[in-house]
Amino acid sequence: MREYYEPDSRWELYQFNSKEEYAKAFIINGYFHDQVPEDILKAYETIEYLMAHAYYHWPMYDEAFSKVLFMIEMGIKLKAKQLNIPIARKKNGKRWERRLSLIINDVCNEDYLSELKQKLDRSAGLRDRKAHPKKNTFSGPSGGTHRNIKYCINVINRLFRSSEWHKRKHELIVNAEEMINKYVNKLLIVKKGREKRVISSILGFDIVGNTMFIVCLPILDVNKLRADGKEGVLPDPVTYTIRNYELDSDEITGKTLQGEKFKLFKTASENLVKTYVKYREYMQSRSDQEKSMYINSMVMQVPWHLSNAEYQYLSANEDHSFT
């Protein structure tokens, strides 16, 4: 008889010592607020079990992701029903399912829902590709599957927020964009608890409830890099989650998930300006190809950093809500 309960050897790459270690690393728990329908919660419970059993058969992780995408489709149709939007039409006595893109258009029929529409369109596109395979393929948690599942959890939670919630979010984003534009081409400092970091730019941000997620690009101390023999290293983005944030043209303040005080502000310190000039020279010394690849990589990473921060914040809230 075939052995179904032996760990898949492909997980050896991650050097897990037990199924518990695997579960902690790769089972993505579903966190949903109380307005998300019961059907979604039941569907996601099955998804968690599929991820759990992928420990014994790697491709089951792909099946978990496929079910996540079909859950998104179900969620869109459930939301449409709540709004009395038809999900099917009758023609010549036959019932025809409406295209998902048309239902999304009707669900997101206001300007303040444009961001939600973009996220639903992206998720629906992934669903279409999964639903019409040309050959048998699987990637497990690699290839973006892991982060896409978190992304879809965030999307479902947003989908079942009220119109008032979305209006407020839209207003907050518009106001924040105006303020954050005043930080462009300014040298910045982040103070988080005892940590202090010099920032060259804000790469992106999002706001959910009273919490801001912000992705920053730190500058590197070139002298230290050279002393440590690490010349050639490029900075990675840093993401901050700021609860109860306050924002004006000069600073952003609030508290981190861990309750530490957070402050981002402009600086004109001569010593830091000199450090920044050396950093700019260091970055300019990279080849055009290296700089281009690096910039493209940064642009692509920002949405994933924001999505992961949103998921982590949702998981940290006992009631799984944003207020």
Protein backbone atom coordinates (compact mmCIF):
# COMPACT_ATOMS: atom_id res chain seq x y z
CA MET A 1 0.00 0.00 0.00
CA ARG A 2 1.21 3.47 -0.82
CA GLU A 3 2.53 5.45 2.15
CA TYR A 4 0.53 8.66 2.45
CA TYR A 5 1.85 9.93 5.75
CA GLU A 6 5.57 10.29 5.12
CA PRO A 7 6.86 13.90 5.01
CA ASP A 8 7.51 15.10 1.46
CA SER A 9 11.29 15.10 0.91
CA ARG A 10 11.07 18.50 -0.81
CA TRP A 11 10.55 20.14 2.58
CA GLU A 12 14.09 19.09 3.54
CA LEU A 13 15.22 22.27 1.80
CA TYR A 14 13.74 24.21 4.77
CA GLN A 15 15.39 21.94 7.37
CA PHE A 16 12.29 21.33 9.44
CA ASN A 17 12.76 18.96 12.38
CA SER A 18 9.05 18.27 12.86
CA LYS A 19 5.61 18.81 11.38
CA GLU A 20 5.02 21.38 14.13
CA GLU A 21 7.92 23.47 12.79
CA TYR A 22 6.46 23.16 9.30
CA ALA A 23 3.02 24.20 10.53
CA LYS A 24 4.39 27.27 12.28
CA ALA A 25 6.25 28.37 9.15
CA PHE A 26 3.76 27.60 6.38
CA ILE A 27 0.20 27.28 7.61
CA ILE A 28 -1.28 30.75 7.09
CA ASN A 29 -4.07 31.24 9.57
CA GLY A 30 -7.18 33.03 8.44
CA TYR A 31 -8.06 36.16 10.41
CA PHE A 32 -11.42 37.68 9.54
CA HIS A 33 -13.60 40.37 11.12
CA ASP A 34 -17.15 39.67 12.22
CA GLN A 35 -18.79 40.95 9.02
CA VAL A 36 -17.14 38.26 6.87
CA PRO A 37 -19.76 35.57 6.05
CA GLU A 38 -19.69 32.14 7.66
CA ASP A 39 -19.25 30.49 4.24
CA ILE A 40 -15.86 32.21 3.91
CA LEU A 41 -14.76 31.05 7.37
CA LYS A 42 -15.72 27.44 6.60
CA ALA A 43 -13.95 27.54 3.24
CA TYR A 44 -10.80 28.92 4.81
CA GLU A 45 -10.78 26.21 7.47
CA THR A 46 -10.45 23.66 4.64
CA ILE A 47 -7.66 25.76 3.15
CA GLU A 48 -5.73 25.56 6.42
CA TYR A 49 -6.11 21.77 6.41
CA LEU A 50 -4.83 21.60 2.83
CA MET A 51 -1.76 23.59 3.83
CA ALA A 52 -1.25 21.31 6.82
CA HIS A 53 -1.38 18.15 4.71
CA ALA A 54 1.00 19.60 2.15
CA TYR A 55 3.65 18.48 4.65
CA TYR A 56 3.05 15.01 3.24
CA HIS A 57 2.56 16.05 -0.39
CA TRP A 58 4.08 19.34 -1.58
CA PRO A 59 1.59 20.06 -4.45
CA MET A 60 -1.31 20.23 -1.96
CA TYR A 61 -0.05 23.70 -1.09
CA ASP A 62 -1.02 24.74 -4.63
CA GLU A 63 -4.46 23.24 -4.09
CA ALA A 64 -4.80 25.39 -0.98
CA PHE A 65 -4.00 28.48 -3.07
CA SER A 66 -6.48 27.43 -5.76
CA LYS A 67 -9.21 27.15 -3.12
CA VAL A 68 -8.23 30.61 -1.80
CA LEU A 69 -8.85 32.05 -5.28
CA PHE A 70 -12.21 30.30 -5.60
CA MET A 71 -13.02 31.64 -2.12
CA ILE A 72 -12.38 35.14 -3.51
CA GLU A 73 -14.86 34.43 -6.32
CA MET A 74 -17.41 33.20 -3.77
CA GLY A 75 -16.79 36.28 -1.65
CA ILE A 76 -17.44 38.62 -4.58
CA LYS A 77 -20.72 36.88 -5.33
CA LEU A 78 -21.78 36.88 -1.67
CA LYS A 79 -21.07 40.60 -1.49
CA ALA A 80 -23.05 41.15 -4.69
CA LYS A 81 -26.04 39.36 -3.17
CA GLN A 82 -25.79 41.59 -0.08
CA LEU A 83 -25.98 44.60 -2.43
CA ASN A 84 -28.82 43.09 -4.54
CA ILE A 85 -26.52 42.89 -7.55
CA PRO A 86 -27.45 40.00 -9.90
CA ILE A 87 -24.80 37.30 -10.38
CA ALA A 88 -26.70 35.65 -13.24
CA ARG A 89 -29.00 36.61 -16.13
CA LYS A 90 -31.80 34.79 -17.90
CA LYS A 91 -31.84 34.75 -21.67
CA ASN A 92 -34.11 32.65 -23.88
CA GLY A 93 -35.23 30.72 -20.84
CA LYS A 94 -31.67 29.82 -19.84
CA ARG A 95 -29.70 31.00 -16.82
CA TRP A 96 -26.30 32.50 -17.59
CA GLU A 97 -23.67 33.26 -14.97
CA ARG A 98 -22.40 36.82 -15.32
CA ARG A 99 -18.71 37.33 -15.87
CA LEU A 100 -16.88 37.96 -12.62
CA SER A 101 -15.36 41.18 -13.99
CA LEU A 102 -18.86 42.62 -14.54
CA ILE A 103 -19.92 41.73 -11.01
CA ILE A 104 -16.76 43.40 -9.66
CA ASN A 105 -17.60 46.53 -11.66
CA ASP A 106 -21.05 46.66 -10.06
CA VAL A 107 -19.75 45.96 -6.53
CA CYS A 108 -17.08 48.67 -6.88
CA ASN A 109 -19.18 51.32 -8.61
CA GLU A 110 -17.89 54.36 -6.68
CA ASP A 111 -14.61 56.28 -6.98
CA TYR A 112 -13.74 55.58 -3.36
CA LEU A 113 -13.85 51.84 -4.16
CA SER A 114 -11.24 52.05 -6.94
CA GLU A 115 -8.49 50.53 -4.78
CA LEU A 116 -10.73 47.62 -3.77
CA LYS A 117 -11.64 47.10 -7.44
CA GLN A 118 -7.98 46.93 -8.42
CA LYS A 119 -7.33 44.28 -5.76
CA LEU A 120 -10.40 42.25 -6.75
CA ASP A 121 -9.46 42.43 -10.45
CA ARG A 122 -5.97 41.16 -9.65
CA SER A 123 -7.32 38.30 -7.55
CA ALA A 124 -9.87 37.40 -10.22
CA GLY A 125 -7.09 37.34 -12.83
CA LEU A 126 -5.13 34.88 -10.72
CA ARG A 127 -8.28 32.81 -10.34
CA ASP A 128 -8.79 32.69 -14.12
CA ARG A 129 -5.25 31.44 -14.68
CA LYS A 130 -5.65 28.75 -12.03
CA ALA A 131 -9.05 27.68 -13.35
CA HIS A 132 -7.79 27.08 -16.90
CA PRO A 133 -4.46 25.22 -16.63
CA LYS A 134 -2.59 24.18 -19.76
CA LYS A 135 -0.50 21.58 -17.94
CA ASN A 136 0.05 20.20 -14.46
CA THR A 137 2.31 22.57 -12.53
CA PHE A 138 2.99 23.25 -8.88
CA SER A 139 5.25 25.56 -6.91
CA GLY A 140 4.44 24.89 -3.25
CA PRO A 141 5.04 27.95 -1.07
CA SER A 142 7.60 29.33 -3.51
CA GLY A 143 6.80 31.56 -6.46
CA GLY A 144 4.72 33.98 -4.42
CA THR A 145 2.06 31.49 -3.25
CA HIS A 146 2.66 32.16 0.44
CA ARG A 147 2.37 35.94 0.13
CA ASN A 148 -0.56 35.74 -2.32
CA ILE A 149 -2.61 33.84 0.25
CA LYS A 150 -2.02 36.60 2.82
CA TYR A 151 -2.93 39.16 0.14
CA CYS A 152 -6.24 37.39 -0.51
CA ILE A 153 -7.08 37.28 3.21
CA ASN A 154 -6.60 41.06 3.30
CA VAL A 155 -8.78 41.49 0.21
CA ILE A 156 -11.64 39.44 1.69
CA ASN A 157 -11.55 41.48 4.88
CA ARG A 158 -11.73 44.72 2.89
CA LEU A 159 -14.48 43.41 0.61
CA PHE A 160 -16.87 42.98 3.53
CA ARG A 161 -16.26 46.40 5.05
CA SER A 162 -19.04 48.97 4.90
CA SER A 163 -19.27 51.82 2.40
CA GLU A 164 -18.58 54.26 5.25
CA TRP A 165 -15.37 52.40 6.10
CA HIS A 166 -14.17 52.60 2.50
CA LYS A 167 -15.11 56.28 2.20
CA ARG A 168 -13.10 57.11 5.32
CA LYS A 169 -10.11 55.08 4.09
CA HIS A 170 -10.18 56.89 0.76
CA GLU A 171 -10.26 60.28 2.45
CA LEU A 172 -7.37 59.33 4.75
CA ILE A 173 -5.26 58.16 1.80
CA VAL A 174 -5.88 61.35 -0.18
CA ASN A 175 -4.99 63.55 2.80
CA ALA A 176 -1.89 61.48 3.63
CA GLU A 177 -0.63 61.62 0.05
CA GLU A 178 -0.70 65.41 0.18
CA MET A 179 1.34 65.43 3.39
CA ILE A 180 3.80 62.70 2.41
CA ASN A 181 4.60 64.52 -0.84
CA LYS A 182 6.20 67.15 1.40
CA TYR A 183 8.73 64.51 2.54
CA VAL A 184 10.07 63.97 -0.98
CA ASN A 185 13.77 64.82 -1.41
CA LYS A 186 14.14 65.30 2.35
CA LEU A 187 16.53 63.42 4.59
CA LEU A 188 14.52 61.64 7.29
CA ILE A 189 15.08 59.99 10.64
CA VAL A 190 13.04 57.17 12.15
CA LYS A 191 13.05 56.69 15.90
CA LYS A 192 11.42 53.46 17.07
CA GLY A 193 11.94 52.77 20.74
CA ARG A 194 15.72 52.89 21.16
CA GLU A 195 16.35 52.29 17.47
CA LYS A 196 17.36 55.20 15.26
CA ARG A 197 17.65 54.98 11.47
CA VAL A 198 18.35 57.46 8.70
CA ILE A 199 15.92 57.22 5.77
CA SER A 200 16.46 58.42 2.22
CA SER A 201 12.85 58.08 1.03
CA ILE A 202 9.35 56.79 1.68
CA LEU A 203 8.66 54.15 -0.98
CA GLY A 204 4.97 53.62 -0.25
CA PHE A 205 2.27 53.60 2.38
CA ASP A 206 -1.23 52.43 3.14
CA ILE A 207 -3.78 53.19 5.82
CA VAL A 208 -6.34 50.85 7.32
CA GLY A 209 -8.44 52.15 10.18
CA ASN A 210 -6.24 54.22 12.47
CA THR A 211 -3.07 52.42 11.42
CA MET A 212 -0.48 53.42 8.84
CA PHE A 213 1.84 50.99 7.10
CA ILE A 214 4.88 52.68 5.63
CA VAL A 215 7.78 51.30 3.58
CA CYS A 216 11.05 53.26 3.83
CA LEU A 217 14.45 52.98 2.22
CA PRO A 218 17.28 53.43 4.75
CA ILE A 219 20.67 54.82 3.83
CA LEU A 220 23.81 52.77 4.42
CA ASP A 221 26.87 53.89 6.32
CA VAL A 222 29.42 53.57 3.51
CA ASN A 223 32.42 53.87 5.84
CA LYS A 224 31.12 50.97 7.94
CA LEU A 225 30.42 48.87 4.85
CA ARG A 226 33.98 49.33 3.66
CA ALA A 227 35.39 48.60 7.11
CA ASP A 228 33.34 45.38 7.26
CA GLY A 229 34.33 44.37 3.72
CA LYS A 230 30.71 44.50 2.55
CA GLU A 231 31.03 47.01 -0.26
CA GLY A 232 28.50 46.17 -2.95
CA VAL A 233 25.61 45.66 -0.52
CA LEU A 234 22.44 47.60 -1.37
CA PRO A 235 19.79 48.67 1.18
CA ASP A 236 16.61 46.65 1.71
CA PRO A 237 13.27 48.35 2.39
CA VAL A 238 12.08 48.56 5.98
CA THR A 239 8.37 48.42 6.85
CA TYR A 240 6.81 50.10 9.87
CA THR A 241 3.32 49.62 11.29
CA ILE A 242 2.17 52.75 13.15
CA ARG A 243 -0.92 52.51 15.32
CA ASN A 244 -2.94 55.62 16.20
CA TYR A 245 -0.77 57.55 13.79
CA GLU A 246 -0.66 61.32 13.54
CA LEU A 247 0.67 62.96 10.40
CA ASP A 248 1.54 66.48 9.41
CA SER A 249 4.01 68.10 6.99
CA ASP A 250 6.96 67.61 9.36
CA GLU A 251 6.53 64.33 11.20
CA ILE A 252 4.65 61.05 11.57
CA THR A 253 4.11 59.75 15.10
CA GLY A 254 2.35 56.87 16.80
CA LYS A 255 3.14 53.50 18.34
CA THR A 256 4.38 50.21 16.91
CA LEU A 257 2.61 46.86 17.27
CA GLN A 258 4.87 46.23 20.27
CA GLY A 259 3.80 49.50 21.89
CA GLU A 260 7.07 51.36 21.26
CA LYS A 261 6.97 55.06 20.46
CA PHE A 262 7.47 55.81 16.77
CA LYS A 263 8.52 59.05 15.14
CA LEU A 264 9.57 59.84 11.56
CA PHE A 265 10.77 63.38 10.94
CA LYS A 266 12.91 65.56 8.69
CA THR A 267 16.51 66.38 9.53
CA ALA A 268 19.13 68.88 8.32
CA SER A 269 21.97 67.59 10.53
CA GLU A 270 25.31 68.40 8.85
CA ASN A 271 26.86 65.07 9.88
CA LEU A 272 23.91 63.10 8.53
CA VAL A 273 23.89 65.13 5.32
CA LYS A 274 27.57 64.23 4.82
CA THR A 275 26.77 60.57 5.43
CA TYR A 276 23.94 60.81 2.91
CA VAL A 277 26.20 62.44 0.28
CA LYS A 278 28.66 59.53 0.61
CA TYR A 279 25.78 57.09 0.30
CA ARG A 280 24.55 58.82 -2.88
CA GLU A 281 28.03 58.63 -4.38
CA TYR A 282 28.18 54.97 -3.42
CA MET A 283 24.84 54.27 -5.13
CA GLN A 284 25.81 56.27 -8.23
CA SER A 285 28.96 54.17 -8.59
CA ARG A 286 26.85 51.09 -9.33
CA SER A 287 26.50 50.13 -12.99
CA ASP A 288 23.43 51.33 -14.90
CA GLN A 289 22.20 47.75 -15.19
CA GLU A 290 22.60 47.10 -11.46
CA LYS A 291 20.81 50.34 -10.59
CA SER A 292 17.97 49.58 -12.99
CA MET A 293 17.49 46.06 -11.61
CA TYR A 294 17.59 47.39 -8.06
CA ILE A 295 15.01 50.13 -8.70
CA ASN A 296 12.66 47.68 -10.44
CA SER A 297 13.04 45.26 -7.55
CA MET A 298 12.18 47.99 -5.03
CA VAL A 299 9.05 48.98 -6.97
CA MET A 300 7.88 45.37 -7.11
CA GLN A 301 8.53 44.71 -3.41
CA VAL A 302 6.57 47.63 -1.97
CA PRO A 303 3.03 46.18 -2.42
CA TRP A 304 4.14 42.90 -0.85
CA HIS A 305 5.68 44.67 2.14
CA LEU A 306 2.44 46.60 2.66
CA SER A 307 0.29 43.48 2.26
CA ASN A 308 2.37 41.51 4.75
CA ALA A 309 2.23 44.38 7.25
CA GLU A 310 -1.57 44.49 6.93
CA TYR A 311 -1.83 40.74 7.50
CA GLN A 312 0.49 40.87 10.52
CA TYR A 313 -1.51 43.71 12.02
CA LEU A 314 -4.79 41.87 11.48
CA SER A 315 -3.35 38.76 13.16
CA ALA A 316 -2.20 40.86 16.14
CA ASN A 317 -5.70 42.23 16.82
CA GLU A 318 -7.71 40.02 19.15
CA ASP A 319 -10.97 40.88 17.39
CA HIS A 320 -9.29 40.76 13.94
CA SER A 321 -10.56 44.22 13.13
CA PHE A 322 -9.23 47.64 12.21
CA THR A 323 -10.56 50.56 14.19
